[in-house]
PDB file of N, CA and C in Angstrom:
ATOM      1  N   UNK A   1      11.932  37.292  -7.025  1.00  0.00           N
ATOM      2  CA  UNK A   1      12.815  36.439  -7.630  1.00  0.00           C
ATOM      3  C   UNK A   1      13.632  36.901  -9.021  1.00  0.00           C
ATOM      4  N   UNK A   2      11.948  37.405 -10.038  1.00  0.00           N
ATOM      5  CA  UNK A   2      11.947  38.526 -10.677  1.00  0.00           C
ATOM      6  C   UNK A   2      13.261  39.753 -10.535  1.00  0.00           C
ATOM      7  N   UNK A   3      13.235  39.932  -9.634  1.00  0.00           N
ATOM      8  CA  UNK A   3      13.804  41.072  -8.896  1.00  0.00           C
ATOM      9  C   UNK A   3      15.324  40.826  -9.156  1.00  0.00           C
ATOM     10  N   UNK A   4      15.980  38.787  -8.621  1.00  0.00           N
ATOM     11  CA  UNK A   4      17.459  39.131  -9.010  1.00  0.00           C
ATOM     12  C   UNK A   4      17.644  38.701 -10.418  1.00  0.00           C
ATOM     13  N   UNK A   5      16.529  38.042 -11.364  1.00  0.00           N
ATOM     14  CA  UNK A   5      16.750  38.278 -12.294  1.00  0.00           C
ATOM     15  C   UNK A   5      16.822  39.613 -13.422  1.00  0.00           C
ATOM     16  N   UNK A   6      16.240  40.656 -12.863  1.00  0.00           N
ATOM     17  CA  UNK A   6      15.966  41.950 -13.130  1.00  0.00           C
ATOM     18  C   UNK A   6      18.354  42.066 -13.212  1.00  0.00           C
ATOM     19  N   UNK A   7      18.226  41.952 -12.005  1.00  0.00           N
ATOM     20  CA  UNK A   7      19.759  42.327 -11.860  1.00  0.00           C
ATOM     21  C   UNK A   7      20.574  41.727 -12.988  1.00  0.00           C
ATOM     22  N   UNK A   8      20.429  40.347 -12.819  1.00  0.00           N
ATOM     23  CA  UNK A   8      21.424  39.644 -13.360  1.00  0.00           C
ATOM     24  C   UNK A   8      21.587  40.205 -15.482  1.00  0.00           C
ATOM     25  N   UNK A   9      20.199  40.352 -15.459  1.00  0.00           N
ATOM     26  CA  UNK A   9      20.231  40.480 -17.080  1.00  0.00           C
ATOM     27  C   UNK A   9      20.706  42.104 -17.397  1.00  0.00           C
ATOM     28  N   UNK A  10      20.165  42.729 -16.282  1.00  0.00           N
ATOM     29  CA  UNK A  10      20.873  44.258 -16.351  1.00  0.00           C
ATOM     30  C   UNK A  10      22.343  44.344 -16.077  1.00  0.00           C
ATOM     31  N   UNK A  11      23.037  43.258 -15.569  1.00  0.00           N
ATOM     32  CA  UNK A  11      24.447  43.143 -15.632  1.00  0.00           C
ATOM     33  C   UNK A  11      25.115  42.796 -17.009  1.00  0.00           C
ATOM     34  N   UNK A  12      24.329  41.723 -17.481  1.00  0.00           N
ATOM     35  CA  UNK A  12      24.572  40.964 -18.784  1.00  0.00           C
ATOM     36  C   UNK A  12      24.398  42.375 -19.487  1.00  0.00           C
ATOM     37  N   UNK A  13      23.246  42.845 -19.465  1.00  0.00           N
ATOM     38  CA  UNK A  13      23.183  44.050 -20.614  1.00  0.00           C
ATOM     39  C   UNK A  13      23.925  45.174 -21.216  1.00  0.00           C
ATOM     40  N   UNK A  14      24.646  45.305 -19.749  1.00  0.00           N
ATOM     41  CA  UNK A  14      25.677  46.626 -19.462  1.00  0.00           C
ATOM     42  C   UNK A  14      26.755  45.736 -20.490  1.00  0.00           C
ATOM     43  N   UNK A  15      27.287  44.676 -20.504  1.00  0.00           N
ATOM     44  CA  UNK A  15      28.931  44.125 -20.392  1.00  0.00           C
ATOM     45  C   UNK A  15      28.638  43.915 -21.767  1.00  0.00           C
ATOM     46  N   UNK A  16      27.305  43.565 -22.423  1.00  0.00           N
ATOM     47  CA  UNK A  16      27.117  43.234 -23.721  1.00  0.00           C
ATOM     48  C   UNK A  16      26.883  44.796 -24.732  1.00  0.00           C
ATOM     49  N   UNK A  17      26.506  45.293 -23.952  1.00  0.00           N
ATOM     50  CA  UNK A  17      25.782  46.707 -24.576  1.00  0.00           C
ATOM     51  C   UNK A  17      27.516  47.271 -24.625  1.00  0.00           C
ATOM     52  N   UNK A  18      28.504  47.492 -23.600  1.00  0.00           N
ATOM     53  CA  UNK A  18      29.583  47.887 -23.624  1.00  0.00           C
ATOM     54  C   UNK A  18      30.607  47.795 -24.769  1.00  0.00           C
ATOM     55  N   UNK A  19      30.664  46.008 -24.930  1.00  0.00           N
ATOM     56  CA  UNK A  19      30.950  45.847 -26.107  1.00  0.00           C
ATOM     57  C   UNK A  19      30.674  45.915 -27.612  1.00  0.00           C
ATOM     58  N   UNK A  20      29.333  45.754 -27.324  1.00  0.00           N
ATOM     59  CA  UNK A  20      28.852  46.416 -29.010  1.00  0.00           C
ATOM     60  C   UNK A  20      28.847  47.753 -29.105  1.00  0.00           C
ATOM     61  N   UNK A  21      29.000  49.128 -28.170  1.00  0.00           N
ATOM     62  CA  UNK A  21      29.315  50.269 -28.415  1.00  0.00           C
ATOM     63  C   UNK A  21      30.733  50.259 -29.010  1.00  0.00           C
ATOM     64  N   UNK A  22      31.753  49.483 -27.818  1.00  0.00           N
ATOM     65  CA  UNK A  22      32.855  49.336 -28.400  1.00  0.00           C
ATOM     66  C   UNK A  22      33.384  49.291 -29.745  1.00  0.00           C
ATOM     67  N   UNK A  23      32.747  48.292 -30.374  1.00  0.00           N
ATOM     68  CA  UNK A  23      32.652  47.767 -31.896  1.00  0.00           C
ATOM     69  C   UNK A  23      32.176  48.534 -32.436  1.00  0.00           C
ATOM     70  N   UNK A  24      31.124  49.087 -32.500  1.00  0.00           N
ATOM     71  CA  UNK A  24      30.511  50.161 -33.109  1.00  0.00           C
ATOM     72  C   UNK A  24      31.497  51.633 -33.417  1.00  0.00           C
ATOM     73  N   UNK A  25      32.220  52.037 -32.380  1.00  0.00           N
ATOM     74  CA  UNK A  25      33.461  52.716 -32.147  1.00  0.00           C
ATOM     75  C   UNK A  25      34.359  52.537 -33.115  1.00  0.00           C
ATOM     76  N   UNK A  26      34.794  51.012 -32.980  1.00  0.00           N
ATOM     77  CA  UNK A  26      36.036  50.298 -33.951  1.00  0.00           C
ATOM     78  C   UNK A  26      35.632  50.536 -35.293  1.00  0.00           C
ATOM     79  N   UNK A  27      33.935  50.231 -35.874  1.00  0.00           N
ATOM     80  CA  UNK A  27      33.831  50.113 -37.192  1.00  0.00           C
ATOM     81  C   UNK A  27      33.191  51.379 -38.108  1.00  0.00           C
ATOM     82  N   UNK A  28      33.513  52.180 -36.732  1.00  0.00           N
ATOM     83  CA  UNK A  28      32.956  53.758 -37.660  1.00  0.00           C
ATOM     84  C   UNK A  28      34.235  53.974 -38.515  1.00  0.00           C
ATOM     85  N   UNK A  29      35.378  53.809 -36.553  1.00  0.00           N
ATOM     86  CA  UNK A  29      36.598  54.296 -37.366  1.00  0.00           C
ATOM     87  C   UNK A  29      37.155  53.917 -38.715  1.00  0.00           C
ATOM     88  N   UNK A  30      37.493  52.213 -38.768  1.00  0.00           N
ATOM     89  CA  UNK A  30      37.493  51.973 -39.675  1.00  0.00           C
ATOM     90  C   UNK A  30      37.516  51.677 -41.518  1.00  0.00           C
ATOM     91  N   UNK A  31      35.992  53.233 -41.117  1.00  0.00           N
ATOM     92  CA  UNK A  31      35.129  53.017 -42.348  1.00  0.00           C
ATOM     93  C   UNK A  31      34.337  51.521 -42.423  1.00  0.00           C
ATOM     94  N   UNK A  32      33.867  50.869 -41.137  1.00  0.00           N
ATOM     95  CA  UNK A  32      33.249  49.843 -41.669  1.00  0.00           C
ATOM     96  C   UNK A  32      31.526  49.979 -41.738  1.00  0.00           C
ATOM     97  N   UNK A  33      30.696  50.735 -42.782  1.00  0.00           N
ATOM     98  CA  UNK A  33      29.464  50.567 -42.182  1.00  0.00           C
ATOM     99  C   UNK A  33      28.458  49.742 -41.802  1.00  0.00           C
ATOM    100  N   UNK A  34      28.570  48.970 -42.798  1.00  0.00           N
ATOM    101  CA  UNK A  34      27.678  47.221 -43.035  1.00  0.00           C
ATOM    102  C   UNK A  34      27.825  47.265 -41.195  1.00  0.00           C
ATOM    103  N   UNK A  35      29.097  47.055 -40.633  1.00  0.00           N
ATOM    104  CA  UNK A  35      29.480  46.630 -39.081  1.00  0.00           C
ATOM    105  C   UNK A  35      29.028  47.449 -37.827  1.00  0.00           C
ATOM    106  N   UNK A  36      29.208  49.279 -38.156  1.00  0.00           N
ATOM    107  CA  UNK A  36      28.639  49.845 -37.573  1.00  0.00           C
ATOM    108  C   UNK A  36      27.076  49.415 -37.338  1.00  0.00           C
ATOM    109  N   UNK A  37      26.520  49.731 -38.557  1.00  0.00           N
ATOM    110  CA  UNK A  37      25.022  49.463 -38.711  1.00  0.00           C
ATOM    111  C   UNK A  37      24.450  47.900 -37.584  1.00  0.00           C
ATOM    112  N   UNK A  38      25.625  46.960 -37.814  1.00  0.00           N
ATOM    113  CA  UNK A  38      24.997  45.558 -37.086  1.00  0.00           C
ATOM    114  C   UNK A  38      24.821  46.256 -35.728  1.00  0.00           C
ATOM    115  N   UNK A  39      26.011  46.700 -35.207  1.00  0.00           N
ATOM    116  CA  UNK A  39      26.592  46.430 -34.201  1.00  0.00           C
ATOM    117  C   UNK A  39      25.534  47.636 -33.289  1.00  0.00           C
ATOM    118  N   UNK A  40      24.877  48.902 -34.139  1.00  0.00           N
ATOM    119  CA  UNK A  40      24.045  49.479 -33.145  1.00  0.00           C
ATOM    120  C   UNK A  40      22.278  48.995 -33.816  1.00  0.00           C
ATOM    121  N   UNK A  41      22.218  48.327 -33.914  1.00  0.00           N
ATOM    122  CA  UNK A  41      20.824  47.436 -33.862  1.00  0.00           C
ATOM    123  C   UNK A  41      20.889  46.423 -32.742  1.00  0.00           C
ATOM    124  N   UNK A  42      22.420  46.142 -32.303  1.00  0.00           N
ATOM    125  CA  UNK A  42      22.026  45.285 -31.287  1.00  0.00           C
ATOM    126  C   UNK A  42      22.071  45.957 -30.425  1.00  0.00           C
ATOM    127  N   UNK A  43      22.927  47.496 -30.425  1.00  0.00           N
ATOM    128  CA  UNK A  43      22.264  47.898 -28.683  1.00  0.00           C
ATOM    129  C   UNK A  43      20.526  48.493 -28.771  1.00  0.00           C
ATOM    130  N   UNK A  44      20.092  48.483 -29.982  1.00  0.00           N
ATOM    131  CA  UNK A  44      18.783  48.636 -29.927  1.00  0.00           C
ATOM    132  C   UNK A  44      17.773  47.855 -29.535  1.00  0.00           C
ATOM    133  N   UNK A  45      18.442  46.435 -29.920  1.00  0.00           N
ATOM    134  CA  UNK A  45      17.870  45.069 -29.286  1.00  0.00           C
ATOM    135  C   UNK A  45      17.557  44.831 -27.770  1.00  0.00           C
ATOM    136  N   UNK A  46      19.063  45.064 -27.411  1.00  0.00           N
ATOM    137  CA  UNK A  46      19.162  45.549 -26.170  1.00  0.00           C
ATOM    138  C   UNK A  46      18.544  46.122 -25.151  1.00  0.00           C
ATOM    139  N   UNK A  47      18.606  47.889 -26.034  1.00  0.00           N
ATOM    140  CA  UNK A  47      17.406  48.704 -25.005  1.00  0.00           C
ATOM    141  C   UNK A  47      15.882  47.911 -25.217  1.00  0.00           C
ATOM    142  N   UNK A  48      15.284  47.575 -26.331  1.00  0.00           N
ATOM    143  CA  UNK A  48      13.891  47.224 -26.315  1.00  0.00           C
ATOM    144  C   UNK A  48      13.706  45.957 -25.131  1.00  0.00           C
ATOM    145  N   UNK A  49      14.904  44.300 -24.936  1.00  0.00           N
ATOM    146  CA  UNK A  49      14.604  43.768 -24.319  1.00  0.00           C
ATOM    147  C   UNK A  49      14.825  44.482 -23.216  1.00  0.00           C
ATOM    148  N   UNK A  50      15.282  44.973 -22.832  1.00  0.00           N
ATOM    149  CA  UNK A  50      15.521  45.867 -21.055  1.00  0.00           C
ATOM    150  C   UNK A  50      14.236  46.341 -20.977  1.00  0.00           C
ATOM    151  N   UNK A  51      13.853  47.097 -21.805  1.00  0.00           N
ATOM    152  CA  UNK A  51      12.252  47.740 -21.967  1.00  0.00           C
ATOM    153  C   UNK A  51      11.060  46.641 -21.611  1.00  0.00           C
ATOM    154  N   UNK A  52      11.280  46.314 -22.471  1.00  0.00           N
ATOM    155  CA  UNK A  52      10.204  45.090 -22.187  1.00  0.00           C
ATOM    156  C   UNK A  52      10.395  44.117 -21.076  1.00  0.00           C
ATOM    157  N   UNK A  53      11.453  44.031 -20.488  1.00  0.00           N
ATOM    158  CA  UNK A  53      11.649  43.184 -19.162  1.00  0.00           C
ATOM    159  C   UNK A  53      11.338  43.927 -18.104  1.00  0.00           C
ATOM    160  N   UNK A  54      11.184  45.461 -18.201  1.00  0.00           N
ATOM    161  CA  UNK A  54      11.131  46.246 -16.953  1.00  0.00           C
ATOM    162  C   UNK A  54       9.022  46.404 -17.004  1.00  0.00           C
ATOM    163  N   UNK A  55       8.883  46.484 -18.534  1.00  0.00           N
ATOM    164  CA  UNK A  55       7.299  46.472 -18.324  1.00  0.00           C
ATOM    165  C   UNK A  55       7.000  45.388 -17.683  1.00  0.00           C
ATOM    166  N   UNK A  56       7.013  44.684 -18.108  1.00  0.00           N
ATOM    167  CA  UNK A  56       7.070  42.962 -17.374  1.00  0.00           C
ATOM    168  C   UNK A  56       6.814  42.683 -16.201  1.00  0.00           C
ATOM    169  N   UNK A  57       8.431  43.510 -15.303  1.00  0.00           N
ATOM    170  CA  UNK A  57       8.455  43.297 -13.915  1.00  0.00           C
ATOM    171  C   UNK A  57       7.341  44.553 -12.969  1.00  0.00           C
ATOM    172  N   UNK A  58       7.146  45.549 -14.019  1.00  0.00           N
ATOM    173  CA  UNK A  58       6.164  46.686 -13.436  1.00  0.00           C
ATOM    174  C   UNK A  58       4.720  46.144 -13.509  1.00  0.00           C
ATOM    175  N   UNK A  59       4.240  45.248 -14.377  1.00  0.00           N
ATOM    176  CA  UNK A  59       2.921  44.451 -15.026  1.00  0.00           C
ATOM    177  C   UNK A  59       2.968  44.273 -13.492  1.00  0.00           C
ATOM    178  N   UNK A  60       4.063  42.992 -13.102  1.00  0.00           N
ATOM    179  CA  UNK A  60       3.787  41.584 -12.426  1.00  0.00           C
ATOM    180  C   UNK A  60       3.531  42.559 -10.766  1.00  0.00           C
ATOM    181  N   UNK A  61       4.486  43.751 -10.433  1.00  0.00           N
ATOM    182  CA  UNK A  61       4.212  43.979  -9.132  1.00  0.00           C
ATOM    183  C   UNK A  61       3.164  44.741  -8.843  1.00  0.00           C
ATOM    184  N   UNK A  62       2.461  45.124 -10.045  1.00  0.00           N
ATOM    185  CA  UNK A  62       1.126  45.550  -9.560  1.00  0.00           C
ATOM    186  C   UNK A  62      -0.321  44.855 -10.051  1.00  0.00           C
ATOM    187  N   UNK A  63      -0.088  43.951 -10.862  1.00  0.00           N
ATOM    188  CA  UNK A  63      -1.423  42.780 -10.782  1.00  0.00           C
ATOM    189  C   UNK A  63      -0.758  41.485 -11.093  1.00  0.00           C
ATOM    190  N   UNK A  64       0.611  41.239 -10.331  1.00  0.00           N
ATOM    191  CA  UNK A  64       0.576  39.764 -10.055  1.00  0.00           C
ATOM    192  C   UNK A  64       0.308  39.384  -8.890  1.00  0.00           C
TER     193      UNK A  64
END
């Protein structure tokens, strides 16, 4: 079950991350520094959330 959830989260993260990266590029191109920082923070939050989920999945496989 947790592997299926991991797949769904992975695909959703990829889609959201792709849009955030695209808007980061648009913001940088148009000189919108604050917006670029916000999109960069979103990308960082996605990476942290994915890392935490993978750590949970790894822990459950070996200890659960």
